[in-house]
Amino acid sequence: MIRVKVLGRGIEKEIEWKKGMAVADVLREVGFNTESAIAKLNGKVALEDERVEDGDYIEVIPVVSGGGGFNYQASSS
């Protein structure tokens, strides 16, 4: 089993390990992709194609994005 925790979402679960499984597969299992989250494998940031092993611990960090917070208008004096 692979233990997975999604930070900030209150999700903690175990998923079944399968031979050849990669970080991207684990992200998909918990509803994310490599563009919407960063994964830490056993405490270290992991690339999407990094293989996971039975007993590994993965923390999923959702990426926050957006815009529109700053609206600058030049003065026309």
PDB file of N, CA and C in Angstrom:
ATOM      1  N   MET A   1       0.839  -1.186   0.000  1.00  0.00           N
ATOM      2  CA  MET A   1       0.000   0.000   0.000  1.00  0.00           C
ATOM      3  C   MET A   1       0.884   1.250   0.000  1.00  0.00           C
ATOM      4  N   ILE A   2       0.333   2.297  -0.562  1.00  0.00           N
ATOM      5  CA  ILE A   2       1.002   3.597  -0.587  1.00  0.00           C
ATOM      6  C   ILE A   2       0.125   4.546   0.222  1.00  0.00           C
ATOM      7  N   ARG A   3       0.722   5.209   1.187  1.00  0.00           N
ATOM      8  CA  ARG A   3      -0.008   6.188   1.991  1.00  0.00           C
ATOM      9  C   ARG A   3       0.058   7.535   1.281  1.00  0.00           C
ATOM     10  N   VAL A   4      -1.101   8.184   1.160  1.00  0.00           N
ATOM     11  CA  VAL A   4      -1.182   9.460   0.458  1.00  0.00           C
ATOM     12  C   VAL A   4      -1.913  10.473   1.334  1.00  0.00           C
ATOM     13  N   LYS A   5      -1.349  11.669   1.424  1.00  0.00           N
ATOM     14  CA  LYS A   5      -1.996  12.763   2.147  1.00  0.00           C
ATOM     15  C   LYS A   5      -2.048  13.966   1.219  1.00  0.00           C
ATOM     16  N   VAL A   6      -3.252  14.541   1.051  1.00  0.00           N
ATOM     17  CA  VAL A   6      -3.416  15.747   0.252  1.00  0.00           C
ATOM     18  C   VAL A   6      -3.469  16.917   1.223  1.00  0.00           C
ATOM     19  N   LEU A   7      -2.432  17.738   1.208  1.00  0.00           N
ATOM     20  CA  LEU A   7      -2.333  18.857   2.133  1.00  0.00           C
ATOM     21  C   LEU A   7      -3.399  19.907   1.856  1.00  0.00           C
ATOM     22  N   GLY A   8      -3.986  20.435   2.919  1.00  0.00           N
ATOM     23  CA  GLY A   8      -4.984  21.485   2.795  1.00  0.00           C
ATOM     24  C   GLY A   8      -6.365  21.007   2.405  1.00  0.00           C
ATOM     25  N   ARG A   9      -6.541  19.720   2.191  1.00  0.00           N
ATOM     26  CA  ARG A   9      -7.838  19.191   1.772  1.00  0.00           C
ATOM     27  C   ARG A   9      -8.404  18.171   2.757  1.00  0.00           C
ATOM     28  N   GLY A  10      -7.624  17.817   3.761  1.00  0.00           N
ATOM     29  CA  GLY A  10      -8.089  16.844   4.744  1.00  0.00           C
ATOM     30  C   GLY A  10      -8.251  15.439   4.198  1.00  0.00           C
ATOM     31  N   ILE A  11      -7.516  15.124   3.142  1.00  0.00           N
ATOM     32  CA  ILE A  11      -7.617  13.792   2.537  1.00  0.00           C
ATOM     33  C   ILE A  11      -6.390  12.978   2.917  1.00  0.00           C
ATOM     34  N   GLU A  12      -6.622  11.835   3.505  1.00  0.00           N
ATOM     35  CA  GLU A  12      -5.570  10.866   3.785  1.00  0.00           C
ATOM     36  C   GLU A  12      -6.119   9.511   3.410  1.00  0.00           C
ATOM     37  N   LYS A  13      -5.390   8.785   2.588  1.00  0.00           N
ATOM     38  CA  LYS A  13      -5.875   7.470   2.187  1.00  0.00           C
ATOM     39  C   LYS A  13      -4.719   6.559   1.835  1.00  0.00           C
ATOM     40  N   GLU A  14      -5.023   5.300   1.698  1.00  0.00           N
ATOM     41  CA  GLU A  14      -4.056   4.317   1.231  1.00  0.00           C
ATOM     42  C   GLU A  14      -4.545   3.804  -0.101  1.00  0.00           C
ATOM     43  N   ILE A  15      -3.629   3.705  -1.056  1.00  0.00           N
ATOM     44  CA  ILE A  15      -3.992   3.138  -2.354  1.00  0.00           C
ATOM     45  C   ILE A  15      -3.119   1.917  -2.610  1.00  0.00           C
ATOM     46  N   GLU A  16      -3.662   1.020  -3.385  1.00  0.00           N
ATOM     47  CA  GLU A  16      -2.951  -0.224  -3.667  1.00  0.00           C
ATOM     48  C   GLU A  16      -1.773   0.039  -4.598  1.00  0.00           C
ATOM     49  N   TRP A  17      -0.604  -0.473  -4.217  1.00  0.00           N
ATOM     50  CA  TRP A  17       0.587  -0.347  -5.039  1.00  0.00           C
ATOM     51  C   TRP A  17       0.519  -1.361  -6.173  1.00  0.00           C
ATOM     52  N   LYS A  18       0.919  -0.916  -7.365  1.00  0.00           N
ATOM     53  CA  LYS A  18       0.999  -1.802  -8.533  1.00  0.00           C
ATOM     54  C   LYS A  18       2.398  -1.681  -9.123  1.00  0.00           C
ATOM     55  N   LYS A  19       2.946  -2.777  -9.571  1.00  0.00           N
ATOM     56  CA  LYS A  19       4.284  -2.780 -10.155  1.00  0.00           C
ATOM     57  C   LYS A  19       4.354  -1.771 -11.296  1.00  0.00           C
ATOM     58  N   GLY A  20       5.416  -0.969 -11.310  1.00  0.00           N
ATOM     59  CA  GLY A  20       5.611   0.029 -12.361  1.00  0.00           C
ATOM     60  C   GLY A  20       4.898   1.347 -12.113  1.00  0.00           C
ATOM     61  N   MET A  21       4.235   1.467 -10.972  1.00  0.00           N
ATOM     62  CA  MET A  21       3.484   2.679 -10.662  1.00  0.00           C
ATOM     63  C   MET A  21       4.429   3.863 -10.483  1.00  0.00           C
ATOM     64  N   ALA A  22       4.001   5.021 -11.015  1.00  0.00           N
ATOM     65  CA  ALA A  22       4.793   6.245 -10.920  1.00  0.00           C
ATOM     66  C   ALA A  22       4.012   7.306 -10.142  1.00  0.00           C
ATOM     67  N   VAL A  23       4.688   8.384  -9.790  1.00  0.00           N
ATOM     68  CA  VAL A  23       4.073   9.480  -9.052  1.00  0.00           C
ATOM     69  C   VAL A  23       2.828   9.987  -9.786  1.00  0.00           C
ATOM     70  N   ALA A  24       2.887  10.133 -11.094  1.00  0.00           N
ATOM     71  CA  ALA A  24       1.733  10.613 -11.868  1.00  0.00           C
ATOM     72  C   ALA A  24       0.521   9.705 -11.672  1.00  0.00           C
ATOM     73  N   ASP A  25       0.733   8.408 -11.564  1.00  0.00           N
ATOM     74  CA  ASP A  25      -0.366   7.460 -11.342  1.00  0.00           C
ATOM     75  C   ASP A  25      -1.027   7.701  -9.982  1.00  0.00           C
ATOM     76  N   VAL A  26      -0.203   7.950  -8.982  1.00  0.00           N
ATOM     77  CA  VAL A  26      -0.728   8.218  -7.633  1.00  0.00           C
ATOM     78  C   VAL A  26      -1.533   9.515  -7.640  1.00  0.00           C
ATOM     79  N   LEU A  27      -1.020  10.547  -8.296  1.00  0.00           N
ATOM     80  CA  LEU A  27      -1.752  11.809  -8.381  1.00  0.00           C
ATOM     81  C   LEU A  27      -3.127  11.599  -9.007  1.00  0.00           C
ATOM     82  N   ARG A  28      -3.184  10.840 -10.081  1.00  0.00           N
ATOM     83  CA  ARG A  28      -4.468  10.562 -10.738  1.00  0.00           C
ATOM     84  C   ARG A  28      -5.427   9.822  -9.807  1.00  0.00           C
ATOM     85  N   GLU A  29      -4.893   8.913  -9.005  1.00  0.00           N
ATOM     86  CA  GLU A  29      -5.722   8.137  -8.067  1.00  0.00           C
ATOM     87  C   GLU A  29      -6.438   9.031  -7.057  1.00  0.00           C
ATOM     88  N   VAL A  30      -5.845  10.177  -6.734  1.00  0.00           N
ATOM     89  CA  VAL A  30      -6.458  11.085  -5.761  1.00  0.00           C
ATOM     90  C   VAL A  30      -7.043  12.337  -6.422  1.00  0.00           C
ATOM     91  N   GLY A  31      -7.206  12.307  -7.750  1.00  0.00           N
ATOM     92  CA  GLY A  31      -7.912  13.370  -8.456  1.00  0.00           C
ATOM     93  C   GLY A  31      -7.099  14.551  -8.923  1.00  0.00           C
ATOM     94  N   PHE A  32      -5.798  14.374  -9.068  1.00  0.00           N
ATOM     95  CA  PHE A  32      -4.934  15.459  -9.528  1.00  0.00           C
ATOM     96  C   PHE A  32      -4.147  15.020 -10.757  1.00  0.00           C
ATOM     97  N   ASN A  33      -3.485  15.991 -11.394  1.00  0.00           N
ATOM     98  CA  ASN A  33      -2.523  15.678 -12.442  1.00  0.00           C
ATOM     99  C   ASN A  33      -1.244  16.456 -12.135  1.00  0.00           C
ATOM    100  N   THR A  34      -0.245  16.293 -12.965  1.00  0.00           N
ATOM    101  CA  THR A  34       1.047  16.915 -12.668  1.00  0.00           C
ATOM    102  C   THR A  34       1.046  18.428 -12.874  1.00  0.00           C
ATOM    103  N   GLU A  35      -0.016  18.978 -13.446  1.00  0.00           N
ATOM    104  CA  GLU A  35      -0.127  20.427 -13.601  1.00  0.00           C
ATOM    105  C   GLU A  35      -0.900  21.063 -12.457  1.00  0.00           C
ATOM    106  N   SER A  36      -1.626  20.248 -11.694  1.00  0.00           N
ATOM    107  CA  SER A  36      -2.455  20.802 -10.625  1.00  0.00           C
ATOM    108  C   SER A  36      -1.928  20.504  -9.221  1.00  0.00           C
ATOM    109  N   ALA A  37      -0.811  19.759  -9.146  1.00  0.00           N
ATOM    110  CA  ALA A  37      -0.264  19.423  -7.828  1.00  0.00           C
ATOM    111  C   ALA A  37       1.218  19.077  -7.916  1.00  0.00           C
ATOM    112  N   ILE A  38       1.889  19.245  -6.788  1.00  0.00           N
ATOM    113  CA  ILE A  38       3.287  18.833  -6.625  1.00  0.00           C
ATOM    114  C   ILE A  38       3.277  17.664  -5.658  1.00  0.00           C
ATOM    115  N   ALA A  39       4.125  16.688  -5.883  1.00  0.00           N
ATOM    116  CA  ALA A  39       4.184  15.528  -4.996  1.00  0.00           C
ATOM    117  C   ALA A  39       5.525  15.454  -4.290  1.00  0.00           C
ATOM    118  N   LYS A  40       5.458  15.081  -3.025  1.00  0.00           N
ATOM    119  CA  LYS A  40       6.667  14.793  -2.249  1.00  0.00           C
ATOM    120  C   LYS A  40       6.641  13.298  -1.948  1.00  0.00           C
ATOM    121  N   LEU A  41       7.684  12.613  -2.358  1.00  0.00           N
ATOM    122  CA  LEU A  41       7.802  11.174  -2.154  1.00  0.00           C
ATOM    123  C   LEU A  41       8.775  10.933  -1.015  1.00  0.00           C
ATOM    124  N   ASN A  42       8.256  10.406   0.080  1.00  0.00           N
ATOM    125  CA  ASN A  42       9.080  10.151   1.276  1.00  0.00           C
ATOM    126  C   ASN A  42       9.868  11.393   1.690  1.00  0.00           C
ATOM    127  N   GLY A  43       9.200  12.569   1.622  1.00  0.00           N
ATOM    128  CA  GLY A  43       9.795  13.807   2.099  1.00  0.00           C
ATOM    129  C   GLY A  43      10.568  14.631   1.089  1.00  0.00           C
ATOM    130  N   LYS A  44      10.727  14.126  -0.143  1.00  0.00           N
ATOM    131  CA  LYS A  44      11.483  14.861  -1.164  1.00  0.00           C
ATOM    132  C   LYS A  44      10.596  15.103  -2.383  1.00  0.00           C
ATOM    133  N   VAL A  45      10.716  16.303  -2.968  1.00  0.00           N
ATOM    134  CA  VAL A  45       9.940  16.617  -4.164  1.00  0.00           C
ATOM    135  C   VAL A  45      10.250  15.592  -5.244  1.00  0.00           C
ATOM    136  N   ALA A  46       9.187  15.079  -5.878  1.00  0.00           N
ATOM    137  CA  ALA A  46       9.348  13.999  -6.849  1.00  0.00           C
ATOM    138  C   ALA A  46       8.878  14.426  -8.237  1.00  0.00           C
ATOM    139  N   LEU A  47       9.540  13.906  -9.248  1.00  0.00           N
ATOM    140  CA  LEU A  47       9.121  14.120 -10.632  1.00  0.00           C
ATOM    141  C   LEU A  47       7.990  13.154 -10.966  1.00  0.00           C
ATOM    142  N   GLU A  48       7.187  13.510 -11.962  1.00  0.00           N
ATOM    143  CA  GLU A  48       6.008  12.714 -12.298  1.00  0.00           C
ATOM    144  C   GLU A  48       6.320  11.282 -12.730  1.00  0.00           C
ATOM    145  N   ASP A  49       7.484  11.052 -13.323  1.00  0.00           N
ATOM    146  CA  ASP A  49       7.805   9.708 -13.811  1.00  0.00           C
ATOM    147  C   ASP A  49       8.598   8.879 -12.802  1.00  0.00           C
ATOM    148  N   GLU A  50       8.813   9.440 -11.613  1.00  0.00           N
ATOM    149  CA  GLU A  50       9.550   8.713 -10.575  1.00  0.00           C
ATOM    150  C   GLU A  50       8.710   7.532 -10.081  1.00  0.00           C
ATOM    151  N   ARG A  51       9.337   6.378  -9.997  1.00  0.00           N
ATOM    152  CA  ARG A  51       8.645   5.158  -9.570  1.00  0.00           C
ATOM    153  C   ARG A  51       8.400   5.175  -8.070  1.00  0.00           C
ATOM    154  N   VAL A  52       7.256   4.619  -7.686  1.00  0.00           N
ATOM    155  CA  VAL A  52       6.938   4.476  -6.266  1.00  0.00           C
ATOM    156  C   VAL A  52       6.990   2.998  -5.901  1.00  0.00           C
ATOM    157  N   GLU A  53       7.264   2.754  -4.642  1.00  0.00           N
ATOM    158  CA  GLU A  53       7.373   1.388  -4.144  1.00  0.00           C
ATOM    159  C   GLU A  53       6.325   1.141  -3.065  1.00  0.00           C
ATOM    160  N   ASP A  54       6.027  -0.111  -2.849  1.00  0.00           N
ATOM    161  CA  ASP A  54       5.099  -0.493  -1.796  1.00  0.00           C
ATOM    162  C   ASP A  54       5.603   0.064  -0.463  1.00  0.00           C
ATOM    163  N   GLY A  55       4.725   0.721   0.293  1.00  0.00           N
ATOM    164  CA  GLY A  55       5.100   1.290   1.581  1.00  0.00           C
ATOM    165  C   GLY A  55       5.521   2.746   1.529  1.00  0.00           C
ATOM    166  N   ASP A  56       5.618   3.337   0.333  1.00  0.00           N
ATOM    167  CA  ASP A  56       6.011   4.742   0.214  1.00  0.00           C
ATOM    168  C   ASP A  56       4.933   5.663   0.776  1.00  0.00           C
ATOM    169  N   TYR A  57       5.353   6.889   1.113  1.00  0.00           N
ATOM    170  CA  TYR A  57       4.456   7.924   1.622  1.00  0.00           C
ATOM    171  C   TYR A  57       4.529   9.114   0.679  1.00  0.00           C
ATOM    172  N   ILE A  58       3.376   9.556   0.191  1.00  0.00           N
ATOM    173  CA  ILE A  58       3.329  10.675  -0.746  1.00  0.00           C
ATOM    174  C   ILE A  58       2.452  11.780  -0.186  1.00  0.00           C
ATOM    175  N   GLU A  59       3.008  12.992  -0.179  1.00  0.00           N
ATOM    176  CA  GLU A  59       2.239  14.176   0.173  1.00  0.00           C
ATOM    177  C   GLU A  59       1.929  14.906  -1.129  1.00  0.00           C
ATOM    178  N   VAL A  60       0.667  15.243  -1.329  1.00  0.00           N
ATOM    179  CA  VAL A  60       0.235  15.969  -2.517  1.00  0.00           C
ATOM    180  C   VAL A  60      -0.035  17.410  -2.107  1.00  0.00           C
ATOM    181  N   ILE A  61       0.603  18.330  -2.823  1.00  0.00           N
ATOM    182  CA  ILE A  61       0.457  19.750  -2.529  1.00  0.00           C
ATOM    183  C   ILE A  61      -0.253  20.394  -3.722  1.00  0.00           C
ATOM    184  N   PRO A  62      -1.544  20.709  -3.559  1.00  0.00           N
ATOM    185  CA  PRO A  62      -2.271  21.333  -4.668  1.00  0.00           C
ATOM    186  C   PRO A  62      -1.653  22.684  -5.036  1.00  0.00           C
ATOM    187  N   VAL A  63      -1.589  22.968  -6.322  1.00  0.00           N
ATOM    188  CA  VAL A  63      -1.047  24.228  -6.821  1.00  0.00           C
ATOM    189  C   VAL A  63      -2.171  25.257  -6.819  1.00  0.00           C
ATOM    190  N   VAL A  64      -1.875  26.421  -6.276  1.00  0.00           N
ATOM    191  CA  VAL A  64      -2.844  27.512  -6.261  1.00  0.00           C
ATOM    192  C   VAL A  64      -2.494  28.451  -7.402  1.00  0.00           C
ATOM    193  N   SER A  65      -3.479  28.762  -8.219  1.00  0.00           N
ATOM    194  CA  SER A  65      -3.222  29.687  -9.321  1.00  0.00           C
ATOM    195  C   SER A  65      -4.391  30.646  -9.446  1.00  0.00           C
ATOM    196  N   GLY A  66      -4.193  31.652 -10.209  1.00  0.00           N
ATOM    197  CA  GLY A  66      -5.248  32.640 -10.399  1.00  0.00           C
ATOM    198  C   GLY A  66      -4.635  33.956 -10.804  1.00  0.00           C
ATOM    199  N   GLY A  67      -5.406  34.963 -10.735  1.00  0.00           N
ATOM    200  CA  GLY A  67      -4.909  36.277 -11.113  1.00  0.00           C
ATOM    201  C   GLY A  67      -5.938  37.334 -10.796  1.00  0.00           C
ATOM    202  N   GLY A  68      -5.703  38.488 -11.333  1.00  0.00           N
ATOM    203  CA  GLY A  68      -6.661  39.574 -11.167  1.00  0.00           C
ATOM    204  C   GLY A  68      -6.568  40.295  -9.834  1.00  0.00           C
ATOM    205  N   GLY A  69      -5.520  40.024  -9.080  1.00  0.00           N
ATOM    206  CA  GLY A  69      -5.396  40.649  -7.778  1.00  0.00           C
ATOM    207  C   GLY A  69      -4.912  42.093  -7.828  1.00  0.00           C
ATOM    208  N   PHE A  70      -4.205  42.487  -8.869  1.00  0.00           N
ATOM    209  CA  PHE A  70      -3.623  43.831  -8.943  1.00  0.00           C
ATOM    210  C   PHE A  70      -4.054  44.469 -10.251  1.00  0.00           C
ATOM    211  N   ASN A  71      -4.684  45.600 -10.153  1.00  0.00           N
ATOM    212  CA  ASN A  71      -5.160  46.305 -11.337  1.00  0.00           C
ATOM    213  C   ASN A  71      -4.502  47.677 -11.371  1.00  0.00           C
ATOM    214  N   TYR A  72      -3.496  47.824 -12.199  1.00  0.00           N
ATOM    215  CA  TYR A  72      -2.727  49.080 -12.294  1.00  0.00           C
ATOM    216  C   TYR A  72      -3.260  49.910 -13.442  1.00  0.00           C
ATOM    217  N   GLN A  73      -3.570  51.160 -13.149  1.00  0.00           N
ATOM    218  CA  GLN A  73      -3.992  52.079 -14.206  1.00  0.00           C
ATOM    219  C   GLN A  73      -3.060  53.286 -14.178  1.00  0.00           C
ATOM    220  N   ALA A  74      -2.469  53.589 -15.309  1.00  0.00           N
ATOM    221  CA  ALA A  74      -1.549  54.728 -15.401  1.00  0.00           C
ATOM    222  C   ALA A  74      -2.318  56.035 -15.269  1.00  0.00           C
ATOM    223  N   SER A  75      -1.706  56.975 -14.610  1.00  0.00           N
ATOM    224  CA  SER A  75      -2.304  58.305 -14.459  1.00  0.00           C
ATOM    225  C   SER A  75      -2.185  59.051 -15.787  1.00  0.00           C
ATOM    226  N   SER A  76      -3.231  59.750 -16.149  1.00  0.00           N
ATOM    227  CA  SER A  76      -3.202  60.527 -17.408  1.00  0.00           C
ATOM    228  C   SER A  76      -3.180  62.017 -17.136  1.00  0.00           C
ATOM    229  N   SER A  77      -2.337  62.487 -16.226  1.00  0.00           N
ATOM    230  CA  SER A  77      -2.258  63.908 -15.864  1.00  0.00           C
ATOM    231  C   SER A  77      -1.508  64.699 -16.895  1.00  0.00           C
TER     232      SER A  77
END
